[in-house]
C-alpha cells in the first residue's frame, strides 16, 4: 500500500480527519481520537499502525511483518504495526484499519458522535 492509497482509504471512512504530526507521520482520527498512523518504519514499505481487538492483537503480534505498535503496545494498548505485507496483504490491512475506525468511533462519547452528525 502506498501512502496515497492509505490516505485515500482512510479519508473515505466516515468522519475521518487527517493530520501530519510526530515527525511526519500521517495520522487519521475520528472525533479527535487516533485510529490509524502511517509512516516509514525503516523499510521500503509503509508501516501502518492500528487499534485492534484483544483477540486480533494476540494473533497479529506473532505474525511475520507485524509487531506490537511501538510506544502504544508498551503502555498496554492493543495496537499493531504492520511493517510488511509478509503475512497481511493490503486488503486485510484495510479490514483492520476499518475495524480500528469502528472501535474508536464506538468508544466516543455520545455527545461527540452527535457533534459529528452521526446518528447515535
PDB file of N, CA and C in Angstrom:
ATOM      1  N   UNK A   1       0.859  -1.176   0.000  1.00  0.00           N
ATOM      2  CA  UNK A   1       0.000   0.000   0.000  1.00  0.00           C
ATOM      3  C   UNK A   1       0.903   1.236   0.000  1.00  0.00           C
ATOM      4  N   UNK A   2       0.592   2.144  -0.876  1.00  0.00           N
ATOM      5  CA  UNK A   2       1.346   3.395  -0.918  1.00  0.00           C
ATOM      6  C   UNK A   2       0.744   4.383   0.080  1.00  0.00           C
ATOM      7  N   UNK A   3       1.471   5.439   0.349  1.00  0.00           N
ATOM      8  CA  UNK A   3       0.969   6.471   1.246  1.00  0.00           C
ATOM      9  C   UNK A   3      -0.290   7.112   0.675  1.00  0.00           C
ATOM     10  N   UNK A   4      -0.319   7.350  -0.621  1.00  0.00           N
ATOM     11  CA  UNK A   4      -1.515   7.928  -1.247  1.00  0.00           C
ATOM     12  C   UNK A   4      -2.721   6.991  -1.122  1.00  0.00           C
ATOM     13  N   UNK A   5      -2.508   5.695  -1.330  1.00  0.00           N
ATOM     14  CA  UNK A   5      -3.599   4.723  -1.194  1.00  0.00           C
ATOM     15  C   UNK A   5      -4.105   4.683   0.246  1.00  0.00           C
ATOM     16  N   UNK A   6      -3.182   4.694   1.195  1.00  0.00           N
ATOM     17  CA  UNK A   6      -3.541   4.709   2.616  1.00  0.00           C
ATOM     18  C   UNK A   6      -4.374   5.948   2.947  1.00  0.00           C
ATOM     19  N   UNK A   7      -3.893   7.118   2.531  1.00  0.00           N
ATOM     20  CA  UNK A   7      -4.613   8.351   2.826  1.00  0.00           C
ATOM     21  C   UNK A   7      -5.980   8.386   2.150  1.00  0.00           C
ATOM     22  N   UNK A   8      -6.077   7.908   0.933  1.00  0.00           N
ATOM     23  CA  UNK A   8      -7.371   7.869   0.234  1.00  0.00           C
ATOM     24  C   UNK A   8      -8.341   6.929   0.943  1.00  0.00           C
ATOM     25  N   UNK A   9      -7.847   5.773   1.342  1.00  0.00           N
ATOM     26  CA  UNK A   9      -8.706   4.819   2.031  1.00  0.00           C
ATOM     27  C   UNK A   9      -9.218   5.390   3.353  1.00  0.00           C
ATOM     28  N   UNK A  10      -8.304   5.872   4.186  1.00  0.00           N
ATOM     29  CA  UNK A  10      -8.704   6.415   5.487  1.00  0.00           C
ATOM     30  C   UNK A  10      -9.622   7.631   5.319  1.00  0.00           C
ATOM     31  N   UNK A  11      -9.355   8.455   4.318  1.00  0.00           N
ATOM     32  CA  UNK A  11     -10.172   9.646   4.082  1.00  0.00           C
ATOM     33  C   UNK A  11     -11.599   9.327   3.681  1.00  0.00           C
ATOM     34  N   UNK A  12     -11.832   8.125   3.199  1.00  0.00           N
ATOM     35  CA  UNK A  12     -13.181   7.726   2.783  1.00  0.00           C
ATOM     36  C   UNK A  12     -14.011   7.190   3.952  1.00  0.00           C
ATOM     37  N   UNK A  13     -13.381   6.968   5.104  1.00  0.00           N
ATOM     38  CA  UNK A  13     -14.118   6.468   6.266  1.00  0.00           C
ATOM     39  C   UNK A  13     -14.919   7.615   6.893  1.00  0.00           C
ATOM     40  N   UNK A  14     -16.092   7.311   7.448  1.00  0.00           N
ATOM     41  CA  UNK A  14     -16.964   8.367   7.985  1.00  0.00           C
ATOM     42  C   UNK A  14     -16.295   9.210   9.071  1.00  0.00           C
ATOM     43  N   UNK A  15     -16.411  10.517   8.927  1.00  0.00           N
ATOM     44  CA  UNK A  15     -15.967  11.498   9.922  1.00  0.00           C
ATOM     45  C   UNK A  15     -14.464  11.489  10.176  1.00  0.00           C
ATOM     46  N   UNK A  16     -13.683  10.929   9.265  1.00  0.00           N
ATOM     47  CA  UNK A  16     -12.234  10.843   9.447  1.00  0.00           C
ATOM     48  C   UNK A  16     -11.571  12.184   9.139  1.00  0.00           C
ATOM     49  N   UNK A  17     -10.575  12.509   9.952  1.00  0.00           N
ATOM     50  CA  UNK A  17      -9.771  13.714   9.733  1.00  0.00           C
ATOM     51  C   UNK A  17      -8.300  13.322   9.705  1.00  0.00           C
ATOM     52  N   UNK A  18      -7.509  14.128   9.012  1.00  0.00           N
ATOM     53  CA  UNK A  18      -6.098  13.811   8.765  1.00  0.00           C
ATOM     54  C   UNK A  18      -5.207  14.923   9.291  1.00  0.00           C
ATOM     55  N   UNK A  19      -4.089  14.531   9.860  1.00  0.00           N
ATOM     56  CA  UNK A  19      -3.073  15.483  10.296  1.00  0.00           C
ATOM     57  C   UNK A  19      -1.715  14.805  10.139  1.00  0.00           C
ATOM     58  N   UNK A  20      -0.706  15.600   9.815  1.00  0.00           N
ATOM     59  CA  UNK A  20       0.669  15.096   9.781  1.00  0.00           C
ATOM     60  C   UNK A  20       1.331  15.614  11.051  1.00  0.00           C
ATOM     61  N   UNK A  21       1.798  14.694  11.876  1.00  0.00           N
ATOM     62  CA  UNK A  21       2.411  15.076  13.151  1.00  0.00           C
ATOM     63  C   UNK A  21       3.437  14.029  13.545  1.00  0.00           C
ATOM     64  N   UNK A  22       4.049  14.193  14.697  1.00  0.00           N
ATOM     65  CA  UNK A  22       5.020  13.242  15.228  1.00  0.00           C
ATOM     66  C   UNK A  22       6.121  12.915  14.221  1.00  0.00           C
ATOM     67  N   UNK A  23       6.750  13.936  13.696  1.00  0.00           N
ATOM     68  CA  UNK A  23       7.871  13.721  12.791  1.00  0.00           C
ATOM     69  C   UNK A  23       7.486  13.243  11.411  1.00  0.00           C
ATOM     70  N   UNK A  24       6.325  13.636  10.929  1.00  0.00           N
ATOM     71  CA  UNK A  24       5.926  13.303   9.567  1.00  0.00           C
ATOM     72  C   UNK A  24       4.984  12.119   9.442  1.00  0.00           C
ATOM     73  N   UNK A  25       4.464  11.603  10.544  1.00  0.00           N
ATOM     74  CA  UNK A  25       3.509  10.500  10.470  1.00  0.00           C
ATOM     75  C   UNK A  25       2.164  11.013   9.969  1.00  0.00           C
ATOM     76  N   UNK A  26       1.520  10.223   9.126  1.00  0.00           N
ATOM     77  CA  UNK A  26       0.179  10.548   8.634  1.00  0.00           C
ATOM     78  C   UNK A  26      -0.817   9.902   9.587  1.00  0.00           C
ATOM     79  N   UNK A  27      -1.476  10.759  10.378  1.00  0.00           N
ATOM     80  CA  UNK A  27      -2.344  10.307  11.457  1.00  0.00           C
ATOM     81  C   UNK A  27      -3.792  10.565  11.080  1.00  0.00           C
ATOM     82  N   UNK A  28      -4.619   9.537  11.214  1.00  0.00           N
ATOM     83  CA  UNK A  28      -6.051   9.646  10.936  1.00  0.00           C
ATOM     84  C   UNK A  28      -6.822   9.498  12.228  1.00  0.00           C
ATOM     85  N   UNK A  29      -7.804  10.380  12.400  1.00  0.00           N
ATOM     86  CA  UNK A  29      -8.580  10.432  13.637  1.00  0.00           C
ATOM     87  C   UNK A  29     -10.068  10.449  13.317  1.00  0.00           C
ATOM     88  N   UNK A  30     -10.840  10.045  14.309  1.00  0.00           N
ATOM     89  CA  UNK A  30     -12.288  10.189  14.254  1.00  0.00           C
ATOM     90  C   UNK A  30     -12.691  10.767  15.607  1.00  0.00           C
ATOM     91  N   UNK A  31     -13.410  11.873  15.596  1.00  0.00           N
ATOM     92  CA  UNK A  31     -13.795  12.527  16.843  1.00  0.00           C
ATOM     93  C   UNK A  31     -12.604  12.967  17.670  1.00  0.00           C
ATOM     94  N   UNK A  32     -11.490  13.263  17.014  1.00  0.00           N
ATOM     95  CA  UNK A  32     -10.281  13.697  17.709  1.00  0.00           C
ATOM     96  C   UNK A  32      -9.434  12.576  18.265  1.00  0.00           C
ATOM     97  N   UNK A  33      -9.833  11.321  18.058  1.00  0.00           N
ATOM     98  CA  UNK A  33      -9.106  10.160  18.571  1.00  0.00           C
ATOM     99  C   UNK A  33      -8.456   9.396  17.421  1.00  0.00           C
ATOM    100  N   UNK A  34      -7.217   9.017  17.591  1.00  0.00           N
ATOM    101  CA  UNK A  34      -6.447   8.330  16.554  1.00  0.00           C
ATOM    102  C   UNK A  34      -6.989   6.927  16.294  1.00  0.00           C
ATOM    103  N   UNK A  35      -7.109   6.590  14.994  1.00  0.00           N
ATOM    104  CA  UNK A  35      -7.450   5.213  14.636  1.00  0.00           C
ATOM    105  C   UNK A  35      -6.419   4.578  13.714  1.00  0.00           C
ATOM    106  N   UNK A  36      -5.555   5.372  13.072  1.00  0.00           N
ATOM    107  CA  UNK A  36      -4.506   4.808  12.208  1.00  0.00           C
ATOM    108  C   UNK A  36      -3.361   5.801  12.070  1.00  0.00           C
ATOM    109  N   UNK A  37      -2.155   5.251  11.992  1.00  0.00           N
ATOM    110  CA  UNK A  37      -0.942   6.046  11.852  1.00  0.00           C
ATOM    111  C   UNK A  37      -0.090   5.370  10.783  1.00  0.00           C
ATOM    112  N   UNK A  38       0.465   6.146   9.873  1.00  0.00           N
ATOM    113  CA  UNK A  38       1.351   5.564   8.857  1.00  0.00           C
ATOM    114  C   UNK A  38       2.601   6.412   8.709  1.00  0.00           C
ATOM    115  N   UNK A  39       3.686   5.733   8.448  1.00  0.00           N
ATOM    116  CA  UNK A  39       4.968   6.380   8.213  1.00  0.00           C
ATOM    117  C   UNK A  39       5.946   5.328   7.733  1.00  0.00           C
ATOM    118  N   UNK A  40       7.147   5.746   7.538  1.00  0.00           N
ATOM    119  CA  UNK A  40       8.172   4.828   7.051  1.00  0.00           C
ATOM    120  C   UNK A  40       8.859   4.222   8.254  1.00  0.00           C
ATOM    121  N   UNK A  41       8.701   2.941   8.418  1.00  0.00           N
ATOM    122  CA  UNK A  41       9.216   2.236   9.588  1.00  0.00           C
ATOM    123  C   UNK A  41      10.621   1.697   9.421  1.00  0.00           C
ATOM    124  N   UNK A  42      11.434   2.334   8.645  1.00  0.00           N
ATOM    125  CA  UNK A  42      12.799   1.888   8.466  1.00  0.00           C
ATOM    126  C   UNK A  42      12.985   0.964   7.270  1.00  0.00           C
ATOM    127  N   UNK A  43      11.906   0.550   6.648  1.00  0.00           N
ATOM    128  CA  UNK A  43      11.997  -0.314   5.478  1.00  0.00           C
ATOM    129  C   UNK A  43      11.460   0.409   4.264  1.00  0.00           C
ATOM    130  N   UNK A  44      11.288  -0.354   3.187  1.00  0.00           N
ATOM    131  CA  UNK A  44      10.773   0.227   1.955  1.00  0.00           C
ATOM    132  C   UNK A  44       9.261   0.343   1.959  1.00  0.00           C
ATOM    133  N   UNK A  45       8.600  -0.478   2.764  1.00  0.00           N
ATOM    134  CA  UNK A  45       7.144  -0.469   2.799  1.00  0.00           C
ATOM    135  C   UNK A  45       6.632   0.504   3.852  1.00  0.00           C
ATOM    136  N   UNK A  46       5.444   0.997   3.602  1.00  0.00           N
ATOM    137  CA  UNK A  46       4.768   1.883   4.534  1.00  0.00           C
ATOM    138  C   UNK A  46       4.391   1.085   5.778  1.00  0.00           C
ATOM    139  N   UNK A  47       4.740   1.593   6.950  1.00  0.00           N
ATOM    140  CA  UNK A  47       4.346   0.956   8.209  1.00  0.00           C
ATOM    141  C   UNK A  47       3.030   1.586   8.652  1.00  0.00           C
ATOM    142  N   UNK A  48       2.028   0.749   8.910  1.00  0.00           N
ATOM    143  CA  UNK A  48       0.705   1.232   9.312  1.00  0.00           C
ATOM    144  C   UNK A  48       0.372   0.658  10.683  1.00  0.00           C
ATOM    145  N   UNK A  49      -0.029   1.539  11.592  1.00  0.00           N
ATOM    146  CA  UNK A  49      -0.359   1.177  12.964  1.00  0.00           C
ATOM    147  C   UNK A  49      -1.851   1.369  13.184  1.00  0.00           C
ATOM    148  N   UNK A  50      -2.478   0.410  13.854  1.00  0.00           N
ATOM    149  CA  UNK A  50      -3.930   0.471  14.065  1.00  0.00           C
ATOM    150  C   UNK A  50      -4.312  -0.215  15.363  1.00  0.00           C
ATOM    151  N   UNK A  51      -5.447   0.179  15.912  1.00  0.00           N
ATOM    152  CA  UNK A  51      -6.020  -0.444  17.105  1.00  0.00           C
ATOM    153  C   UNK A  51      -6.737  -1.722  16.670  1.00  0.00           C
ATOM    154  N   UNK A  52      -6.738  -2.730  17.552  1.00  0.00           N
ATOM    155  CA  UNK A  52      -7.449  -3.959  17.235  1.00  0.00           C
ATOM    156  C   UNK A  52      -8.014  -4.583  18.508  1.00  0.00           C
ATOM    157  N   UNK A  53      -8.825  -5.594  18.324  1.00  0.00           N
ATOM    158  CA  UNK A  53      -9.399  -6.311  19.461  1.00  0.00           C
ATOM    159  C   UNK A  53      -8.287  -7.082  20.180  1.00  0.00           C
ATOM    160  N   UNK A  54      -8.562  -7.491  21.401  1.00  0.00           N
ATOM    161  CA  UNK A  54      -7.590  -8.297  22.149  1.00  0.00           C
ATOM    162  C   UNK A  54      -7.269  -9.591  21.415  1.00  0.00           C
ATOM    163  N   UNK A  55      -8.302 -10.223  20.862  1.00  0.00           N
ATOM    164  CA  UNK A  55      -8.126 -11.471  20.128  1.00  0.00           C
ATOM    165  C   UNK A  55      -7.208 -11.272  18.917  1.00  0.00           C
ATOM    166  N   UNK A  56      -7.496 -10.249  18.120  1.00  0.00           N
ATOM    167  CA  UNK A  56      -6.673  -9.968  16.935  1.00  0.00           C
ATOM    168  C   UNK A  56      -5.244  -9.620  17.346  1.00  0.00           C
ATOM    169  N   UNK A  57      -5.106  -8.871  18.418  1.00  0.00           N
ATOM    170  CA  UNK A  57      -3.778  -8.478  18.901  1.00  0.00           C
ATOM    171  C   UNK A  57      -2.935  -9.719  19.219  1.00  0.00           C
ATOM    172  N   UNK A  58      -3.522 -10.676  19.920  1.00  0.00           N
ATOM    173  CA  UNK A  58      -2.780 -11.883  20.307  1.00  0.00           C
ATOM    174  C   UNK A  58      -2.317 -12.666  19.085  1.00  0.00           C
ATOM    175  N   UNK A  59      -3.110 -12.674  18.045  1.00  0.00           N
ATOM    176  CA  UNK A  59      -2.735 -13.385  16.818  1.00  0.00           C
ATOM    177  C   UNK A  59      -1.714 -12.590  16.009  1.00  0.00           C
ATOM    178  N   UNK A  60      -2.011 -11.308  15.778  1.00  0.00           N
ATOM    179  CA  UNK A  60      -1.180 -10.497  14.886  1.00  0.00           C
ATOM    180  C   UNK A  60       0.212 -10.211  15.422  1.00  0.00           C
ATOM    181  N   UNK A  61       0.348 -10.109  16.728  1.00  0.00           N
ATOM    182  CA  UNK A  61       1.664  -9.759  17.285  1.00  0.00           C
ATOM    183  C   UNK A  61       2.726 -10.803  16.994  1.00  0.00           C
ATOM    184  N   UNK A  62       2.293 -12.022  16.649  1.00  0.00           N
ATOM    185  CA  UNK A  62       3.224 -13.114  16.347  1.00  0.00           C
ATOM    186  C   UNK A  62       3.436 -13.320  14.841  1.00  0.00           C
ATOM    187  N   UNK A  63       2.708 -12.594  14.008  1.00  0.00           N
ATOM    188  CA  UNK A  63       2.775 -12.815  12.557  1.00  0.00           C
ATOM    189  C   UNK A  63       3.979 -12.099  11.940  1.00  0.00           C
ATOM    190  N   UNK A  64       4.631 -12.746  10.970  1.00  0.00           N
ATOM    191  CA  UNK A  64       5.745 -12.089  10.273  1.00  0.00           C
ATOM    192  C   UNK A  64       5.273 -10.790   9.618  1.00  0.00           C
ATOM    193  N   UNK A  65       6.047  -9.748   9.775  1.00  0.00           N
ATOM    194  CA  UNK A  65       5.719  -8.456   9.184  1.00  0.00           C
ATOM    195  C   UNK A  65       4.861  -7.575  10.078  1.00  0.00           C
ATOM    196  N   UNK A  66       4.409  -8.114  11.215  1.00  0.00           N
ATOM    197  CA  UNK A  66       3.609  -7.357  12.171  1.00  0.00           C
ATOM    198  C   UNK A  66       4.325  -7.360  13.522  1.00  0.00           C
ATOM    199  N   UNK A  67       4.006  -6.367  14.333  1.00  0.00           N
ATOM    200  CA  UNK A  67       4.552  -6.326  15.682  1.00  0.00           C
ATOM    201  C   UNK A  67       3.651  -5.467  16.559  1.00  0.00           C
ATOM    202  N   UNK A  68       3.742  -5.634  17.877  1.00  0.00           N
ATOM    203  CA  UNK A  68       3.037  -4.697  18.744  1.00  0.00           C
ATOM    204  C   UNK A  68       3.535  -3.291  18.431  1.00  0.00           C
ATOM    205  N   UNK A  69       2.629  -2.351  18.350  1.00  0.00           N
ATOM    206  CA  UNK A  69       2.990  -0.986  17.954  1.00  0.00           C
ATOM    207  C   UNK A  69       3.925  -0.347  18.975  1.00  0.00           C
ATOM    208  N   UNK A  70       5.038   0.198  18.483  1.00  0.00           N
ATOM    209  CA  UNK A  70       5.944   0.893  19.396  1.00  0.00           C
ATOM    210  C   UNK A  70       5.192   1.982  20.163  1.00  0.00           C
ATOM    211  N   UNK A  71       5.576   2.172  21.391  1.00  0.00           N
ATOM    212  CA  UNK A  71       5.001   3.139  22.311  1.00  0.00           C
ATOM    213  C   UNK A  71       3.608   2.725  22.787  1.00  0.00           C
ATOM    214  N   UNK A  72       2.679   2.510  21.890  1.00  0.00           N
ATOM    215  CA  UNK A  72       1.294   2.224  22.280  1.00  0.00           C
ATOM    216  C   UNK A  72       1.169   0.868  22.988  1.00  0.00           C
ATOM    217  N   UNK A  73       1.694  -0.169  22.399  1.00  0.00           N
ATOM    218  CA  UNK A  73       1.573  -1.503  22.991  1.00  0.00           C
ATOM    219  C   UNK A  73       2.345  -1.603  24.302  1.00  0.00           C
ATOM    220  N   UNK A  74       3.445  -0.874  24.415  1.00  0.00           N
ATOM    221  CA  UNK A  74       4.222  -0.932  25.656  1.00  0.00           C
ATOM    222  C   UNK A  74       3.471  -0.301  26.823  1.00  0.00           C
ATOM    223  N   UNK A  75       2.389   0.404  26.534  1.00  0.00           N
ATOM    224  CA  UNK A  75       1.557   1.004  27.562  1.00  0.00           C
ATOM    225  C   UNK A  75       0.251   0.229  27.762  1.00  0.00           C
ATOM    226  N   UNK A  76       0.244  -1.008  27.280  1.00  0.00           N
ATOM    227  CA  UNK A  76      -0.903  -1.885  27.491  1.00  0.00           C
ATOM    228  C   UNK A  76      -2.022  -1.735  26.479  1.00  0.00           C
ATOM    229  N   UNK A  77      -1.836  -0.891  25.475  1.00  0.00           N
ATOM    230  CA  UNK A  77      -2.874  -0.697  24.468  1.00  0.00           C
ATOM    231  C   UNK A  77      -2.746  -1.776  23.387  1.00  0.00           C
ATOM    232  N   UNK A  78      -3.860  -2.170  22.819  1.00  0.00           N
ATOM    233  CA  UNK A  78      -3.885  -3.227  21.801  1.00  0.00           C
ATOM    234  C   UNK A  78      -3.785  -2.610  20.412  1.00  0.00           C
ATOM    235  N   UNK A  79      -2.571  -2.233  20.051  1.00  0.00           N
ATOM    236  CA  UNK A  79      -2.276  -1.640  18.750  1.00  0.00           C
ATOM    237  C   UNK A  79      -1.193  -2.468  18.080  1.00  0.00           C
ATOM    238  N   UNK A  80      -1.355  -2.682  16.787  1.00  0.00           N
ATOM    239  CA  UNK A  80      -0.422  -3.460  15.974  1.00  0.00           C
ATOM    240  C   UNK A  80       0.158  -2.563  14.888  1.00  0.00           C
ATOM    241  N   UNK A  81       1.397  -2.815  14.538  1.00  0.00           N
ATOM    242  CA  UNK A  81       2.008  -2.127  13.396  1.00  0.00           C
ATOM    243  C   UNK A  81       2.323  -3.161  12.325  1.00  0.00           C
ATOM    244  N   UNK A  82       1.759  -2.957  11.148  1.00  0.00           N
ATOM    245  CA  UNK A  82       2.108  -3.814  10.007  1.00  0.00           C
ATOM    246  C   UNK A  82       3.268  -3.146   9.299  1.00  0.00           C
ATOM    247  N   UNK A  83       4.405  -3.816   9.308  1.00  0.00           N
ATOM    248  CA  UNK A  83       5.622  -3.267   8.707  1.00  0.00           C
ATOM    249  C   UNK A  83       5.840  -3.758   7.282  1.00  0.00           C
ATOM    250  N   UNK A  84       5.377  -4.987   7.009  1.00  0.00           N
ATOM    251  CA  UNK A  84       5.492  -5.547   5.661  1.00  0.00           C
ATOM    252  C   UNK A  84       4.226  -6.343   5.361  1.00  0.00           C
ATOM    253  N   UNK A  85       4.017  -6.626   4.095  1.00  0.00           N
ATOM    254  CA  UNK A  85       2.863  -7.407   3.677  1.00  0.00           C
ATOM    255  C   UNK A  85       3.103  -8.900   3.737  1.00  0.00           C
ATOM    256  N   UNK A  86       4.127  -9.328   4.446  1.00  0.00           N
ATOM    257  CA  UNK A  86       4.512 -10.739   4.500  1.00  0.00           C
ATOM    258  C   UNK A  86       3.362 -11.652   4.926  1.00  0.00           C
ATOM    259  N   UNK A  87       2.606 -11.267   5.945  1.00  0.00           N
ATOM    260  CA  UNK A  87       1.501 -12.119   6.393  1.00  0.00           C
ATOM    261  C   UNK A  87       0.150 -11.404   6.374  1.00  0.00           C
ATOM    262  N   UNK A  88       0.143 -10.143   5.957  1.00  0.00           N
ATOM    263  CA  UNK A  88      -1.103  -9.380   5.885  1.00  0.00           C
ATOM    264  C   UNK A  88      -1.088  -8.556   4.599  1.00  0.00           C
ATOM    265  N   UNK A  89      -1.929  -8.940   3.633  1.00  0.00           N
ATOM    266  CA  UNK A  89      -1.967  -8.182   2.382  1.00  0.00           C
ATOM    267  C   UNK A  89      -2.727  -6.868   2.585  1.00  0.00           C
ATOM    268  N   UNK A  90      -2.741  -6.046   1.565  1.00  0.00           N
ATOM    269  CA  UNK A  90      -3.355  -4.718   1.673  1.00  0.00           C
ATOM    270  C   UNK A  90      -4.856  -4.785   1.944  1.00  0.00           C
ATOM    271  N   UNK A  91      -5.534  -5.780   1.395  1.00  0.00           N
ATOM    272  CA  UNK A  91      -6.977  -5.897   1.641  1.00  0.00           C
ATOM    273  C   UNK A  91      -7.255  -6.226   3.106  1.00  0.00           C
ATOM    274  N   UNK A  92      -6.463  -7.114   3.676  1.00  0.00           N
ATOM    275  CA  UNK A  92      -6.611  -7.435   5.102  1.00  0.00           C
ATOM    276  C   UNK A  92      -6.270  -6.209   5.949  1.00  0.00           C
ATOM    277  N   UNK A  93      -5.232  -5.479   5.552  1.00  0.00           N
ATOM    278  CA  UNK A  93      -4.873  -4.252   6.277  1.00  0.00           C
ATOM    279  C   UNK A  93      -6.037  -3.270   6.272  1.00  0.00           C
ATOM    280  N   UNK A  94      -6.678  -3.109   5.146  1.00  0.00           N
ATOM    281  CA  UNK A  94      -7.842  -2.213   5.063  1.00  0.00           C
ATOM    282  C   UNK A  94      -8.942  -2.672   6.010  1.00  0.00           C
ATOM    283  N   UNK A  95      -9.165  -3.983   6.082  1.00  0.00           N
ATOM    284  CA  UNK A  95     -10.174  -4.506   7.006  1.00  0.00           C
ATOM    285  C   UNK A  95      -9.824  -4.146   8.448  1.00  0.00           C
ATOM    286  N   UNK A  96      -8.566  -4.287   8.815  1.00  0.00           N
ATOM    287  CA  UNK A  96      -8.146  -3.957  10.181  1.00  0.00           C
ATOM    288  C   UNK A  96      -8.245  -2.457  10.457  1.00  0.00           C
ATOM    289  N   UNK A  97      -7.878  -1.629   9.493  1.00  0.00           N
ATOM    290  CA  UNK A  97      -7.995  -0.172   9.683  1.00  0.00           C
ATOM    291  C   UNK A  97      -9.466   0.222   9.790  1.00  0.00           C
ATOM    292  N   UNK A  98     -10.306  -0.397   8.989  1.00  0.00           N
ATOM    293  CA  UNK A  98     -11.751  -0.145   9.065  1.00  0.00           C
ATOM    294  C   UNK A  98     -12.289  -0.516  10.451  1.00  0.00           C
ATOM    295  N   UNK A  99     -11.852  -1.654  10.962  1.00  0.00           N
ATOM    296  CA  UNK A  99     -12.272  -2.089  12.301  1.00  0.00           C
ATOM    297  C   UNK A  99     -11.713  -1.159  13.379  1.00  0.00           C
ATOM    298  N   UNK A 100     -10.486  -0.698  13.212  1.00  0.00           N
ATOM    299  CA  UNK A 100      -9.906   0.258  14.156  1.00  0.00           C
ATOM    300  C   UNK A 100     -10.759   1.523  14.218  1.00  0.00           C
ATOM    301  N   UNK A 101     -11.138   2.012  13.052  1.00  0.00           N
ATOM    302  CA  UNK A 101     -12.009   3.190  12.973  1.00  0.00           C
ATOM    303  C   UNK A 101     -13.303   2.931  13.735  1.00  0.00           C
ATOM    304  N   UNK A 102     -13.903   1.763  13.532  1.00  0.00           N
ATOM    305  CA  UNK A 102     -15.168   1.427  14.194  1.00  0.00           C
ATOM    306  C   UNK A 102     -14.997   1.314  15.708  1.00  0.00           C
ATOM    307  N   UNK A 103     -13.893   0.702  16.154  1.00  0.00           N
ATOM    308  CA  UNK A 103     -13.634   0.582  17.588  1.00  0.00           C
ATOM    309  C   UNK A 103     -13.523   1.954  18.245  1.00  0.00           C
ATOM    310  N   UNK A 104     -12.784   2.841  17.611  1.00  0.00           N
ATOM    311  CA  UNK A 104     -12.600   4.191  18.158  1.00  0.00           C
ATOM    312  C   UNK A 104     -13.921   4.954  18.117  1.00  0.00           C
ATOM    313  N   UNK A 105     -14.642   4.865  17.004  1.00  0.00           N
ATOM    314  CA  UNK A 105     -15.908   5.583  16.882  1.00  0.00           C
ATOM    315  C   UNK A 105     -16.897   5.137  17.950  1.00  0.00           C
ATOM    316  N   UNK A 106     -17.018   3.829  18.147  1.00  0.00           N
ATOM    317  CA  UNK A 106     -17.967   3.314  19.147  1.00  0.00           C
ATOM    318  C   UNK A 106     -17.614   3.754  20.566  1.00  0.00           C
ATOM    319  N   UNK A 107     -16.341   4.015  20.823  1.00  0.00           N
ATOM    320  CA  UNK A 107     -15.911   4.426  22.165  1.00  0.00           C
ATOM    321  C   UNK A 107     -16.069   5.932  22.409  1.00  0.00           C
ATOM    322  N   UNK A 108     -16.391   6.679  21.354  1.00  0.00           N
ATOM    323  CA  UNK A 108     -16.577   8.125  21.523  1.00  0.00           C
ATOM    324  C   UNK A 108     -17.820   8.401  22.369  1.00  0.00           C
ATOM    325  N   UNK A 109     -17.755   9.443  23.175  1.00  0.00           N
ATOM    326  CA  UNK A 109     -18.963   9.827  23.923  1.00  0.00           C
ATOM    327  C   UNK A 109     -20.104  10.167  22.968  1.00  0.00           C
ATOM    328  N   UNK A 110     -21.303   9.916  23.405  1.00  0.00           N
ATOM    329  CA  UNK A 110     -22.491  10.177  22.590  1.00  0.00           C
ATOM    330  C   UNK A 110     -22.522  11.628  22.116  1.00  0.00           C
ATOM    331  N   UNK A 111     -22.115  12.542  22.965  1.00  0.00           N
ATOM    332  CA  UNK A 111     -22.084  13.961  22.627  1.00  0.00           C
ATOM    333  C   UNK A 111     -21.173  14.219  21.421  1.00  0.00           C
ATOM    334  N   UNK A 112     -20.000  13.597  21.419  1.00  0.00           N
ATOM    335  CA  UNK A 112     -19.051  13.789  20.311  1.00  0.00           C
ATOM    336  C   UNK A 112     -19.602  13.201  19.027  1.00  0.00           C
ATOM    337  N   UNK A 113     -20.170  11.996  19.113  1.00  0.00           N
ATOM    338  CA  UNK A 113     -20.783  11.394  17.916  1.00  0.00           C
ATOM    339  C   UNK A 113     -21.884  12.285  17.375  1.00  0.00           C
ATOM    340  N   UNK A 114     -22.659  12.874  18.258  1.00  0.00           N
ATOM    341  CA  UNK A 114     -23.738  13.782  17.846  1.00  0.00           C
ATOM    342  C   UNK A 114     -23.168  15.038  17.179  1.00  0.00           C
ATOM    343  N   UNK A 115     -22.098  15.596  17.740  1.00  0.00           N
ATOM    344  CA  UNK A 115     -21.453  16.775  17.148  1.00  0.00           C
ATOM    345  C   UNK A 115     -20.923  16.487  15.758  1.00  0.00           C
ATOM    346  N   UNK A 116     -20.514  15.256  15.527  1.00  0.00           N
ATOM    347  CA  UNK A 116     -20.024  14.855  14.202  1.00  0.00           C
ATOM    348  C   UNK A 116     -21.179  14.723  13.191  1.00  0.00           C
ATOM    349  N   UNK A 117     -22.386  14.634  13.724  1.00  0.00           N
ATOM    350  CA  UNK A 117     -23.534  14.461  12.847  1.00  0.00           C
ATOM    351  C   UNK A 117     -23.936  13.011  12.669  1.00  0.00           C
ATOM    352  N   UNK A 118     -23.353  12.156  13.498  1.00  0.00           N
ATOM    353  CA  UNK A 118     -23.670  10.730  13.414  1.00  0.00           C
ATOM    354  C   UNK A 118     -24.999  10.454  14.100  1.00  0.00           C
ATOM    355  N   UNK A 119     -25.742   9.551  13.544  1.00  0.00           N
ATOM    356  CA  UNK A 119     -26.987   9.110  14.175  1.00  0.00           C
ATOM    357  C   UNK A 119     -26.580   8.102  15.249  1.00  0.00           C
ATOM    358  N   UNK A 120     -26.909   8.396  16.508  1.00  0.00           N
ATOM    359  CA  UNK A 120     -26.481   7.504  17.593  1.00  0.00           C
ATOM    360  C   UNK A 120     -27.647   6.769  18.199  1.00  0.00           C
TER     361      UNK A 120
END
